[in-house]
Each structure stands twice: as structure tokens, then as C-alpha cells.
Amino acid sequence: MKYFLENSDIVKAVPIVNGEGVAVTPNDVTVQDGSYEPLSRPLFIYVKNEALENESVYEFTKYTLEMAAEMAAEVGYVALPAESYEAALTTLEGLK
């Protein structure tokens, strides 16, 4: 989305037919709900459970999850729904 928004004067957003056979135009909603696929996808970070024993790794991972939506917006990405980050934080806290 970022590239398109920055260059909307010279590029067009083209609907694509997703796996359900529906032509979907890219926007924040269709990227966030996953219907603009296969051209949108979430970004992941992976941390070994054992690594979370290191306080710095745990705090960095927690910070990343707490700030992910804000960081995504800052660089022009579409954030996941808030519930996704909350669930990840709950999982993280359960692993400590």
C-alpha cells in the first residue's frame, strides 16, 4: 500500500481475483482482513521460547508487539487488527 499511496499519480490500483474468485481492490480494509490475497500478507517475527529467558529478548519482543501498529503506520504498512497484537502479547506473557 505504501508504494501505491506514494505513487498514486503514476500507478493504478488494480483489483485482483483472490482465492474465493472475487475481484478485490487494495485498501487498508482488504489488506487487513486478508481478502486482497495473494498480494498482501502479514509480517512475522519468530523468537525461540528459550531465548525469552533473556530479559532483553523478552523486552524487545514485547516492545515490538506493543508498538507494531504504530510502527506499521509510520512506514506506510497496514497494521493487523488490534486483537492480533493482544493475542500475541498474551501468548508472550504466558511463555515467560
C-alpha atoms as a PDB file:
ATOM      1  CA  MET A   1       0.000   0.000   0.000  1.00  0.00           C
ATOM      2  CA  LYS A   2       2.807   2.403   0.820  1.00  0.00           C
ATOM      3  CA  TYR A   3       4.262   2.341  -2.687  1.00  0.00           C
ATOM      4  CA  PHE A   4       0.844   2.831  -4.238  1.00  0.00           C
ATOM      5  CA  LEU A   5      -0.058   5.725  -1.937  1.00  0.00           C
ATOM      6  CA  GLU A   6       3.248   7.455  -2.593  1.00  0.00           C
ATOM      7  CA  ASN A   7       2.919   6.987  -6.363  1.00  0.00           C
ATOM      8  CA  SER A   8      -0.831   7.127  -6.961  1.00  0.00           C
ATOM      9  CA  ASP A   9      -0.301   9.848  -9.554  1.00  0.00           C
ATOM     10  CA  ILE A  10       1.630   7.433 -11.792  1.00  0.00           C
ATOM     11  CA  VAL A  11       0.316   3.951 -10.893  1.00  0.00           C
ATOM     12  CA  LYS A  12      -3.162   2.431 -10.701  1.00  0.00           C
ATOM     13  CA  ALA A  13      -4.551   0.114  -8.060  1.00  0.00           C
ATOM     14  CA  VAL A  14      -5.738  -2.950  -9.932  1.00  0.00           C
ATOM     15  CA  PRO A  15      -8.264  -5.369  -8.461  1.00  0.00           C
ATOM     16  CA  ILE A  16      -7.063  -8.964  -8.302  1.00  0.00           C
ATOM     17  CA  VAL A  17      -9.125 -12.105  -8.160  1.00  0.00           C
ATOM     18  CA  ASN A  18      -8.477 -13.764  -4.820  1.00  0.00           C
ATOM     19  CA  GLY A  19      -8.745 -17.430  -3.875  1.00  0.00           C
ATOM     20  CA  GLU A  20     -12.516 -17.109  -3.497  1.00  0.00           C
ATOM     21  CA  GLY A  21     -12.872 -15.833  -7.070  1.00  0.00           C
ATOM     22  CA  VAL A  22     -13.710 -12.279  -6.005  1.00  0.00           C
ATOM     23  CA  ALA A  23     -12.046  -9.251  -7.627  1.00  0.00           C
ATOM     24  CA  VAL A  24     -10.690  -7.192  -4.720  1.00  0.00           C
ATOM     25  CA  THR A  25      -9.215  -3.691  -4.826  1.00  0.00           C
ATOM     26  CA  PRO A  26      -6.340  -2.972  -2.438  1.00  0.00           C
ATOM     27  CA  ASN A  27      -7.106  -0.711   0.518  1.00  0.00           C
ATOM     28  CA  ASP A  28      -6.481  -0.795   4.255  1.00  0.00           C
ATOM     29  CA  VAL A  29      -9.566  -2.933   4.917  1.00  0.00           C
ATOM     30  CA  THR A  30      -8.925  -5.576   2.248  1.00  0.00           C
ATOM     31  CA  VAL A  31      -5.246  -5.817   3.163  1.00  0.00           C
ATOM     32  CA  GLN A  32      -6.046  -6.085   6.882  1.00  0.00           C
ATOM     33  CA  ASP A  33      -8.784  -8.690   6.512  1.00  0.00           C
ATOM     34  CA  GLY A  34      -6.667 -10.777   4.119  1.00  0.00           C
ATOM     35  CA  SER A  35      -9.110 -10.648   1.213  1.00  0.00           C
ATOM     36  CA  TYR A  36      -6.543  -8.891  -1.009  1.00  0.00           C
ATOM     37  CA  GLU A  37      -4.581 -12.072  -1.440  1.00  0.00           C
ATOM     38  CA  PRO A  38      -2.142 -13.350  -2.538  1.00  0.00           C
ATOM     39  CA  LEU A  39      -0.562  -9.885  -2.802  1.00  0.00           C
ATOM     40  CA  SER A  40      -0.878  -8.972   0.868  1.00  0.00           C
ATOM     41  CA  ARG A  41       0.433 -10.860   3.851  1.00  0.00           C
ATOM     42  CA  PRO A  42       1.302 -10.276   7.488  1.00  0.00           C
ATOM     43  CA  LEU A  43       4.875  -9.819   8.647  1.00  0.00           C
ATOM     44  CA  PHE A  44       6.112 -12.154  11.363  1.00  0.00           C
ATOM     45  CA  ILE A  45       8.895 -12.257  13.897  1.00  0.00           C
ATOM     46  CA  TYR A  46       9.973 -15.587  15.319  1.00  0.00           C
ATOM     47  CA  VAL A  47      11.630 -15.988  18.698  1.00  0.00           C
ATOM     48  CA  LYS A  48      12.750 -19.261  20.238  1.00  0.00           C
ATOM     49  CA  ASN A  49      10.981 -19.907  23.532  1.00  0.00           C
ATOM     50  CA  GLU A  50      14.358 -20.453  25.217  1.00  0.00           C
ATOM     51  CA  ALA A  51      15.547 -17.045  24.013  1.00  0.00           C
ATOM     52  CA  LEU A  52      12.762 -15.379  26.007  1.00  0.00           C
ATOM     53  CA  GLU A  53      14.650 -16.333  29.172  1.00  0.00           C
ATOM     54  CA  ASN A  54      16.993 -13.498  28.242  1.00  0.00           C
ATOM     55  CA  GLU A  55      15.282 -10.378  29.639  1.00  0.00           C
ATOM     56  CA  SER A  56      16.496  -8.234  26.722  1.00  0.00           C
ATOM     57  CA  VAL A  57      14.975 -10.585  24.144  1.00  0.00           C
ATOM     58  CA  TYR A  58      11.703 -10.740  26.070  1.00  0.00           C
ATOM     59  CA  GLU A  59      11.510  -6.937  26.428  1.00  0.00           C
ATOM     60  CA  PHE A  60      12.398  -6.372  22.755  1.00  0.00           C
ATOM     61  CA  THR A  61       9.716  -8.829  21.649  1.00  0.00           C
ATOM     62  CA  LYS A  62       7.157  -7.258  23.972  1.00  0.00           C
ATOM     63  CA  TYR A  63       8.045  -3.764  22.747  1.00  0.00           C
ATOM     64  CA  THR A  64       7.775  -4.878  19.132  1.00  0.00           C
ATOM     65  CA  LEU A  65       4.281  -6.275  19.695  1.00  0.00           C
ATOM     66  CA  GLU A  66       3.135  -3.255  21.707  1.00  0.00           C
ATOM     67  CA  MET A  67       4.387  -0.812  19.080  1.00  0.00           C
ATOM     68  CA  ALA A  68       3.746  -2.838  15.909  1.00  0.00           C
ATOM     69  CA  ALA A  69       0.601  -0.998  14.822  1.00  0.00           C
ATOM     70  CA  GLU A  70       2.228   2.385  15.328  1.00  0.00           C
ATOM     71  CA  MET A  71       5.421   1.310  13.573  1.00  0.00           C
ATOM     72  CA  ALA A  72       3.432  -0.127  10.661  1.00  0.00           C
ATOM     73  CA  ALA A  73       1.558   3.139  10.210  1.00  0.00           C
ATOM     74  CA  GLU A  74       4.779   5.143  10.432  1.00  0.00           C
ATOM     75  CA  VAL A  75       6.324   3.310   7.475  1.00  0.00           C
ATOM     76  CA  GLY A  76       3.099   3.064   5.463  1.00  0.00           C
ATOM     77  CA  TYR A  77       2.174  -0.554   6.128  1.00  0.00           C
ATOM     78  CA  VAL A  78      -1.270  -1.760   7.140  1.00  0.00           C
ATOM     79  CA  ALA A  79      -1.366  -2.934  10.744  1.00  0.00           C
ATOM     80  CA  LEU A  80      -3.062  -6.135  11.830  1.00  0.00           C
ATOM     81  CA  PRO A  81      -6.270  -5.855  13.847  1.00  0.00           C
ATOM     82  CA  ALA A  82      -5.578  -4.880  17.485  1.00  0.00           C
ATOM     83  CA  GLU A  83      -6.838  -8.293  18.649  1.00  0.00           C
ATOM     84  CA  SER A  84      -3.951  -9.977  16.838  1.00  0.00           C
ATOM     85  CA  TYR A  85      -1.363  -7.995  18.783  1.00  0.00           C
ATOM     86  CA  GLU A  86      -3.241  -8.513  22.047  1.00  0.00           C
ATOM     87  CA  ALA A  87      -3.337 -12.275  21.472  1.00  0.00           C
ATOM     88  CA  ALA A  88       0.378 -12.329  20.678  1.00  0.00           C
ATOM     89  CA  LEU A  89       1.147 -10.372  23.851  1.00  0.00           C
ATOM     90  CA  THR A  90      -0.941 -12.788  25.899  1.00  0.00           C
ATOM     91  CA  THR A  91       0.958 -15.709  24.390  1.00  0.00           C
ATOM     92  CA  LEU A  92       4.264 -13.982  25.055  1.00  0.00           C
ATOM     93  CA  GLU A  93       3.378 -13.332  28.683  1.00  0.00           C
ATOM     94  CA  GLY A  94       2.394 -16.980  29.076  1.00  0.00           C
ATOM     95  CA  LEU A  95       5.824 -18.085  27.843  1.00  0.00           C
ATOM     96  CA  LYS A  96       7.807 -16.048  30.355  1.00  0.00           C
END
